Amino acid sequence: MKTRKLLYFSLLISVFCSCGDNKEQKNGQNAITTEQQASVHRMKDYDLTDSVTMGSHLFIYTIHREADDSLKAVVDENGDKYVDNYYDLTVLRDGVNFFRRRFTKLSFGSQLDESFRKNGILDGFRFMSVKEGKLTFGVCVSFPESDMSEPFVLTIGSDGSFTLEPDTTPDIEEIEDTSV
């Protein structure tokens, strides 16, 4: 009998609390619940500075990532919201500004299919190598919290020009899988 009274009392309290939420909404207040706040995901700001030598030149590059509320957010099938990011890449050659550009998902828009344009975020940017007088960086647009991604290669020429192309290099995991 005590269990039944406790259950009834709990039900009354939950009904009372839900009515209180409706009153706040009726009064025109935009109350955001803790659950709604927890469903907005942002990647932490990120900064990396490193250097590489190419020929007789020292290149110092800085990669900066920041979540940007002005970019279109992505909402997954569970209703969780993911704030998209931008990356700033700055490259100095022998201490002089050589390359500076901001990249967003739209920078790759023409090379992404509709699902990645709609459901992906720009979430990866790293230095890869120096090849044939060019700096190469790996860039990735991914579905949040998944292994579904579209990798790209950013190549910066010796004159500061750049290209963005899909990365067609097979993953190491794929190579290992085919040898089994």
C-alpha atoms as a PDB file:
ATOM      1  CA  MET A   1       0.000   0.000   0.000  1.00  0.00           C
ATOM      2  CA  LYS A   2       2.855   2.404   0.804  1.00  0.00           C
ATOM      3  CA  THR A   3       4.338   1.749  -2.622  1.00  0.00           C
ATOM      4  CA  ARG A   4       1.056   2.673  -4.283  1.00  0.00           C
ATOM      5  CA  LYS A   5       0.843   5.941  -2.308  1.00  0.00           C
ATOM      6  CA  LEU A   6       4.463   6.761  -3.147  1.00  0.00           C
ATOM      7  CA  LEU A   7       3.842   6.106  -6.832  1.00  0.00           C
ATOM      8  CA  TYR A   8       0.686   8.246  -6.768  1.00  0.00           C
ATOM      9  CA  PHE A   9       2.559  11.063  -4.998  1.00  0.00           C
ATOM     10  CA  SER A  10       5.407  10.904  -7.564  1.00  0.00           C
ATOM     11  CA  LEU A  11       2.900  11.088 -10.391  1.00  0.00           C
ATOM     12  CA  LEU A  12       1.268  14.168  -8.852  1.00  0.00           C
ATOM     13  CA  ILE A  13       4.619  15.913  -8.463  1.00  0.00           C
ATOM     14  CA  SER A  14       5.632  15.234 -12.081  1.00  0.00           C
ATOM     15  CA  VAL A  15       2.245  16.548 -13.325  1.00  0.00           C
ATOM     16  CA  PHE A  16       2.633  19.639 -11.133  1.00  0.00           C
ATOM     17  CA  CYS A  17       6.170  20.265 -12.430  1.00  0.00           C
ATOM     18  CA  SER A  18       5.134  19.890 -16.061  1.00  0.00           C
ATOM     19  CA  CYS A  19       2.324  22.402 -15.531  1.00  0.00           C
ATOM     20  CA  GLY A  20       4.848  24.862 -14.152  1.00  0.00           C
ATOM     21  CA  ASP A  21       6.901  24.533 -17.352  1.00  0.00           C
ATOM     22  CA  ASN A  22       3.828  25.329 -19.445  1.00  0.00           C
ATOM     23  CA  LYS A  23       3.156  28.471 -17.384  1.00  0.00           C
ATOM     24  CA  GLU A  24       6.662  29.753 -18.148  1.00  0.00           C
ATOM     25  CA  GLN A  25       6.147  29.170 -21.855  1.00  0.00           C
ATOM     26  CA  LYS A  26       2.694  30.816 -21.729  1.00  0.00           C
ATOM     27  CA  ASN A  27       4.224  33.868 -20.074  1.00  0.00           C
ATOM     28  CA  GLY A  28       6.483  34.285 -23.133  1.00  0.00           C
ATOM     29  CA  GLN A  29       9.669  33.276 -21.393  1.00  0.00           C
ATOM     30  CA  ASN A  30      12.056  31.182 -23.451  1.00  0.00           C
ATOM     31  CA  ALA A  31      13.149  28.741 -20.792  1.00  0.00           C
ATOM     32  CA  ILE A  32      15.864  26.355 -21.940  1.00  0.00           C
ATOM     33  CA  THR A  33      15.911  23.134 -20.014  1.00  0.00           C
ATOM     34  CA  THR A  34      19.110  21.471 -18.856  1.00  0.00           C
ATOM     35  CA  GLU A  35      18.413  18.639 -21.303  1.00  0.00           C
ATOM     36  CA  GLN A  36      18.248  21.078 -24.237  1.00  0.00           C
ATOM     37  CA  GLN A  37      21.491  22.760 -23.174  1.00  0.00           C
ATOM     38  CA  ALA A  38      23.270  19.424 -22.932  1.00  0.00           C
ATOM     39  CA  SER A  39      22.295  18.508 -26.510  1.00  0.00           C
ATOM     40  CA  VAL A  40      24.382  21.330 -28.068  1.00  0.00           C
ATOM     41  CA  HIS A  41      27.871  20.067 -28.865  1.00  0.00           C
ATOM     42  CA  ARG A  42      30.900  22.265 -29.560  1.00  0.00           C
ATOM     43  CA  MET A  43      34.450  21.230 -30.245  1.00  0.00           C
ATOM     44  CA  LYS A  44      37.015  22.970 -28.065  1.00  0.00           C
ATOM     45  CA  ASP A  45      39.151  25.706 -29.544  1.00  0.00           C
ATOM     46  CA  TYR A  46      42.429  24.331 -30.827  1.00  0.00           C
ATOM     47  CA  ASP A  47      45.774  25.902 -31.675  1.00  0.00           C
ATOM     48  CA  LEU A  48      48.878  24.235 -33.069  1.00  0.00           C
ATOM     49  CA  THR A  49      52.074  25.899 -34.221  1.00  0.00           C
ATOM     50  CA  ASP A  50      54.894  23.896 -35.765  1.00  0.00           C
ATOM     51  CA  SER A  51      57.568  24.285 -38.402  1.00  0.00           C
ATOM     52  CA  VAL A  52      59.042  22.443 -41.356  1.00  0.00           C
ATOM     53  CA  THR A  53      62.028  23.114 -43.584  1.00  0.00           C
ATOM     54  CA  MET A  54      61.675  23.001 -47.348  1.00  0.00           C
ATOM     55  CA  GLY A  55      64.889  23.635 -49.236  1.00  0.00           C
ATOM     56  CA  SER A  56      66.566  26.618 -47.604  1.00  0.00           C
ATOM     57  CA  HIS A  57      63.265  28.029 -46.266  1.00  0.00           C
ATOM     58  CA  LEU A  58      61.775  27.637 -42.803  1.00  0.00           C
ATOM     59  CA  PHE A  59      57.964  27.437 -42.840  1.00  0.00           C
ATOM     60  CA  ILE A  60      56.100  28.031 -39.589  1.00  0.00           C
ATOM     61  CA  TYR A  61      52.428  27.102 -39.731  1.00  0.00           C
ATOM     62  CA  THR A  62      49.641  27.754 -37.260  1.00  0.00           C
ATOM     63  CA  ILE A  63      46.340  25.885 -37.337  1.00  0.00           C
ATOM     64  CA  HIS A  64      43.511  27.433 -35.295  1.00  0.00           C
ATOM     65  CA  ARG A  65      40.068  25.819 -34.863  1.00  0.00           C
ATOM     66  CA  GLU A  66      37.041  27.463 -33.360  1.00  0.00           C
ATOM     67  CA  ALA A  67      33.368  26.513 -33.134  1.00  0.00           C
ATOM     68  CA  ASP A  68      31.378  29.252 -34.859  1.00  0.00           C
ATOM     69  CA  ASP A  69      27.723  29.917 -34.030  1.00  0.00           C
ATOM     70  CA  SER A  70      27.338  31.981 -37.218  1.00  0.00           C
ATOM     71  CA  LEU A  71      27.810  28.832 -39.314  1.00  0.00           C
ATOM     72  CA  LYS A  72      24.829  26.577 -39.975  1.00  0.00           C
ATOM     73  CA  ALA A  73      24.609  23.982 -37.204  1.00  0.00           C
ATOM     74  CA  VAL A  74      24.038  20.288 -37.847  1.00  0.00           C
ATOM     75  CA  VAL A  75      21.238  18.393 -36.102  1.00  0.00           C
ATOM     76  CA  ASP A  76      21.492  14.600 -35.993  1.00  0.00           C
ATOM     77  CA  GLU A  77      18.665  12.036 -35.983  1.00  0.00           C
ATOM     78  CA  ASN A  78      18.475  12.223 -32.162  1.00  0.00           C
ATOM     79  CA  GLY A  79      17.947  15.984 -32.215  1.00  0.00           C
ATOM     80  CA  ASP A  80      21.457  16.728 -30.911  1.00  0.00           C
ATOM     81  CA  LYS A  81      22.859  19.967 -32.309  1.00  0.00           C
ATOM     82  CA  TYR A  82      26.509  20.288 -33.399  1.00  0.00           C
ATOM     83  CA  VAL A  83      28.078  23.696 -33.919  1.00  0.00           C
ATOM     84  CA  ASP A  84      30.269  23.739 -37.045  1.00  0.00           C
ATOM     85  CA  ASN A  85      33.885  24.915 -36.995  1.00  0.00           C
ATOM     86  CA  TYR A  86      36.217  27.057 -38.996  1.00  0.00           C
ATOM     87  CA  TYR A  87      39.951  26.588 -39.304  1.00  0.00           C
ATOM     88  CA  ASP A  88      42.426  29.402 -39.860  1.00  0.00           C
ATOM     89  CA  LEU A  89      45.699  28.389 -41.459  1.00  0.00           C
ATOM     90  CA  THR A  90      48.610  30.814 -41.324  1.00  0.00           C
ATOM     91  CA  VAL A  91      51.968  29.988 -42.878  1.00  0.00           C
ATOM     92  CA  LEU A  92      55.101  32.107 -42.523  1.00  0.00           C
ATOM     93  CA  ARG A  93      58.079  31.559 -44.829  1.00  0.00           C
ATOM     94  CA  ASP A  94      61.338  32.766 -43.276  1.00  0.00           C
ATOM     95  CA  GLY A  95      59.278  34.932 -40.894  1.00  0.00           C
ATOM     96  CA  VAL A  96      57.237  36.635 -43.641  1.00  0.00           C
ATOM     97  CA  ASN A  97      53.504  36.057 -44.181  1.00  0.00           C
ATOM     98  CA  PHE A  98      53.252  33.463 -46.967  1.00  0.00           C
ATOM     99  CA  PHE A  99      49.708  32.044 -46.723  1.00  0.00           C
ATOM    100  CA  ARG A 100      46.655  32.945 -44.650  1.00  0.00           C
ATOM    101  CA  ARG A 101      43.143  31.648 -45.153  1.00  0.00           C
ATOM    102  CA  ARG A 102      40.002  30.671 -43.238  1.00  0.00           C
ATOM    103  CA  PHE A 103      38.356  27.382 -44.180  1.00  0.00           C
ATOM    104  CA  THR A 104      34.780  26.332 -43.468  1.00  0.00           C
ATOM    105  CA  LYS A 105      32.722  23.414 -44.721  1.00  0.00           C
ATOM    106  CA  LEU A 106      31.561  25.665 -47.560  1.00  0.00           C
ATOM    107  CA  SER A 107      35.178  25.812 -48.797  1.00  0.00           C
ATOM    108  CA  PHE A 108      34.615  22.195 -49.885  1.00  0.00           C
ATOM    109  CA  GLY A 109      30.936  22.542 -50.756  1.00  0.00           C
ATOM    110  CA  SER A 110      31.222  21.814 -54.472  1.00  0.00           C
ATOM    111  CA  GLN A 111      33.130  18.595 -53.703  1.00  0.00           C
ATOM    112  CA  LEU A 112      30.755  17.291 -51.010  1.00  0.00           C
ATOM    113  CA  ASP A 113      27.618  15.297 -51.676  1.00  0.00           C
ATOM    114  CA  GLU A 114      24.328  16.586 -50.296  1.00  0.00           C
ATOM    115  CA  SER A 115      24.422  14.457 -47.135  1.00  0.00           C
ATOM    116  CA  PHE A 116      27.832  15.852 -46.075  1.00  0.00           C
ATOM    117  CA  ARG A 117      26.821  19.426 -46.950  1.00  0.00           C
ATOM    118  CA  LYS A 118      23.754  19.007 -44.736  1.00  0.00           C
ATOM    119  CA  ASN A 119      24.972  16.675 -41.949  1.00  0.00           C
ATOM    120  CA  GLY A 120      28.743  17.129 -41.790  1.00  0.00           C
ATOM    121  CA  ILE A 121      30.988  19.483 -39.863  1.00  0.00           C
ATOM    122  CA  LEU A 122      34.559  20.548 -40.575  1.00  0.00           C
ATOM    123  CA  ASP A 123      36.372  18.702 -37.835  1.00  0.00           C
ATOM    124  CA  GLY A 124      39.907  17.878 -38.896  1.00  0.00           C
ATOM    125  CA  PHE A 125      42.946  19.780 -40.160  1.00  0.00           C
ATOM    126  CA  ARG A 126      46.547  18.574 -39.915  1.00  0.00           C
ATOM    127  CA  PHE A 127      49.924  18.947 -41.567  1.00  0.00           C
ATOM    128  CA  MET A 128      50.816  15.972 -43.758  1.00  0.00           C
ATOM    129  CA  SER A 129      54.075  16.510 -45.627  1.00  0.00           C
ATOM    130  CA  VAL A 130      56.396  18.493 -47.827  1.00  0.00           C
ATOM    131  CA  LYS A 131      56.500  17.049 -51.344  1.00  0.00           C
ATOM    132  CA  GLU A 132      57.963  18.418 -54.543  1.00  0.00           C
ATOM    133  CA  GLY A 133      58.235  21.958 -53.141  1.00  0.00           C
ATOM    134  CA  LYS A 134      54.654  21.968 -51.811  1.00  0.00           C
ATOM    135  CA  LEU A 135      53.126  21.866 -48.340  1.00  0.00           C
ATOM    136  CA  THR A 136      50.247  19.410 -47.923  1.00  0.00           C
ATOM    137  CA  PHE A 137      47.591  19.363 -45.220  1.00  0.00           C
ATOM    138  CA  GLY A 138      44.841  16.848 -44.542  1.00  0.00           C
ATOM    139  CA  VAL A 139      41.367  18.260 -43.999  1.00  0.00           C
ATOM    140  CA  CYS A 140      38.231  16.352 -43.035  1.00  0.00           C
ATOM    141  CA  VAL A 141      34.466  16.940 -43.122  1.00  0.00           C
ATOM    142  CA  SER A 142      32.677  14.327 -40.993  1.00  0.00           C
ATOM    143  CA  PHE A 143      29.328  13.383 -39.598  1.00  0.00           C
ATOM    144  CA  PRO A 144      29.592  14.303 -35.893  1.00  0.00           C
ATOM    145  CA  GLU A 145      30.680  11.491 -33.577  1.00  0.00           C
ATOM    146  CA  SER A 146      30.931   8.922 -36.372  1.00  0.00           C
ATOM    147  CA  ASP A 147      33.526   7.419 -38.661  1.00  0.00           C
ATOM    148  CA  MET A 148      31.728   8.705 -41.774  1.00  0.00           C
ATOM    149  CA  SER A 149      34.040  11.314 -43.306  1.00  0.00           C
ATOM    150  CA  GLU A 150      35.152  12.976 -46.513  1.00  0.00           C
ATOM    151  CA  PRO A 151      38.912  13.606 -46.449  1.00  0.00           C
ATOM    152  CA  PHE A 152      40.612  16.297 -48.547  1.00  0.00           C
ATOM    153  CA  VAL A 153      44.164  17.329 -49.331  1.00  0.00           C
ATOM    154  CA  LEU A 154      45.066  21.015 -49.246  1.00  0.00           C
ATOM    155  CA  THR A 155      48.228  21.643 -51.274  1.00  0.00           C
ATOM    156  CA  ILE A 156      50.039  24.982 -51.060  1.00  0.00           C
ATOM    157  CA  GLY A 157      52.454  25.710 -53.895  1.00  0.00           C
ATOM    158  CA  SER A 158      55.763  27.546 -53.646  1.00  0.00           C
ATOM    159  CA  ASP A 159      54.048  30.725 -54.891  1.00  0.00           C
ATOM    160  CA  GLY A 160      51.311  30.616 -52.207  1.00  0.00           C
ATOM    161  CA  SER A 161      48.607  29.259 -54.527  1.00  0.00           C
ATOM    162  CA  PHE A 162      46.536  26.345 -53.257  1.00  0.00           C
ATOM    163  CA  THR A 163      44.319  23.485 -54.368  1.00  0.00           C
ATOM    164  CA  LEU A 164      41.686  21.496 -52.481  1.00  0.00           C
ATOM    165  CA  GLU A 165      41.133  17.979 -53.737  1.00  0.00           C
ATOM    166  CA  PRO A 166      39.491  14.843 -52.378  1.00  0.00           C
ATOM    167  CA  ASP A 167      42.009  12.570 -50.672  1.00  0.00           C
ATOM    168  CA  THR A 168      41.996   9.381 -52.694  1.00  0.00           C
ATOM    169  CA  THR A 169      44.799   7.754 -50.702  1.00  0.00           C
ATOM    170  CA  PRO A 170      43.507   4.540 -49.119  1.00  0.00           C
ATOM    171  CA  ASP A 171      43.451   4.356 -45.339  1.00  0.00           C
ATOM    172  CA  ILE A 172      46.073   2.185 -43.682  1.00  0.00           C
ATOM    173  CA  GLU A 173      43.216   0.121 -42.227  1.00  0.00           C
ATOM    174  CA  GLU A 174      41.878  -0.542 -45.739  1.00  0.00           C
ATOM    175  CA  ILE A 175      45.317  -1.646 -46.900  1.00  0.00           C
ATOM    176  CA  GLU A 176      45.629  -3.986 -43.918  1.00  0.00           C
ATOM    177  CA  ASP A 177      42.144  -5.386 -44.543  1.00  0.00           C
ATOM    178  CA  THR A 178      42.918  -6.253 -48.181  1.00  0.00           C
ATOM    179  CA  SER A 179      46.051  -8.176 -47.261  1.00  0.00           C
ATOM    180  CA  VAL A 180      44.167 -10.608 -45.022  1.00  0.00           C
END
